[in-house]
Amino acid sequence: MERSLGGLGLRIHLHVWIGCSAEANGQRGGPSVPSLSMELYQLKTFVAVAREGNLTRAAERVFTSPPAVSAQLKALEDELGVKLFDRTPRGMTLTEPGQRLLDEAERTLAAAGRMRSAAAQLRGEVQGIVRMGTVSDPVALRLGDALVRLAERHPQVSLQLSQGLSADLLLQVQRGELEAAYAMTDLERMAGLEIQRLGQVELVVGLPMALADAAPSLQALVALPWVGTPPTCTLRQHQERLFAAGGGVYRPGAMADTEGSVRSMVASGLGAGIVRRDQAEEAQRRGELVIWPGWQARTWICWASRPAGQVAPAVQAVGAVVQEVWGA
């Protein structure tokens, strides 16, 4: 079966032999079934539906429509002769064969990506799509400078940016869901990853303006209402250490999932919170909050990816630009 591949120019042929082949028994020309032909975009769709569990979200992920996703899955199931998903009112659930074949599909797509990158390298080019994680503040990451330099030097490299909490982004790189990520973390190492510190970040406690003249002690500070962050967040870990030093135990109340949200909630009077010093000083100049002088800590903006020998040239190119921007 021959079909075009939407401009990618790649095709996969799987040759399936039933039972013990005649050739394996010293004979040639034994019975076989016709080869199965499938397209890479079908495998991408299969993986997207498996990850999202929903046709609409999977369609957004592969830039097509839900009916097209459904048709591609049906064609793939027909070619493979197995049912990949159970369709339920709550979404799409992998069958047991689907779960086993998902690993094969991901390996096949990764191999195709490596082949494209290798061919581009032979032509003297670096190209590919790099899935990259970022935390909330692109200015602090110097992301704009990195993107400009990347476009100038490697115009065939595209980025797919995914924003999230640093701990989650690191896990996604570790699992292969992202190729690389910026992260704000105290970690210096993590299994299967290279973590490079790009720059230091100073942390301080911000207080609402209503407490500007209070000058609370550490013990009084930890008794105040606080704006917290999720348990895996670096800011939360520093917050818990601060509470321990003050003889208290942090009990979650108001919650924010970005540094900017913590700062805004402190400024609105909801409670104290840990914020970056540069953001806190700017907010203090604007009369939005006041910095408590009795504590400071530090963490790091880092670049995380798999070791150089395990990533595509495009990922290495992005990492080189990021490190150059930071002078690392």
Foldseek 3Di string as FASTA:
>chain_A
DDDDAVPPPDKDKAFDAPDDAVVVVVDPDGDGDDIFIDYLVLLLLLLLCAVPQALCRSCVVSVHHSVVSVVSQVVVCVRVVHRQWDQDPVGTHGDPVNVVCNVVSVVVVVVVQQVVQVVQVVVVAGADEFEEEEEDDCVVLVVVQLVVVCCVPHVRYHYDYDYFAQVVRQVCQVVVVGFKYKHWFQDCDDPQKHKAFLDKWKKFKWAELVCVPVLDDLLVQQVKQAEEEDPVHPQNVVVQVSQVVNVHGDDDDHYDHHLVVRLVCRLVHRGMGMHTPVVRVVCVVVVSTDTNPPDMDMTTTIMMGGPPVVDRPSSVSSVVSSCVVSVD
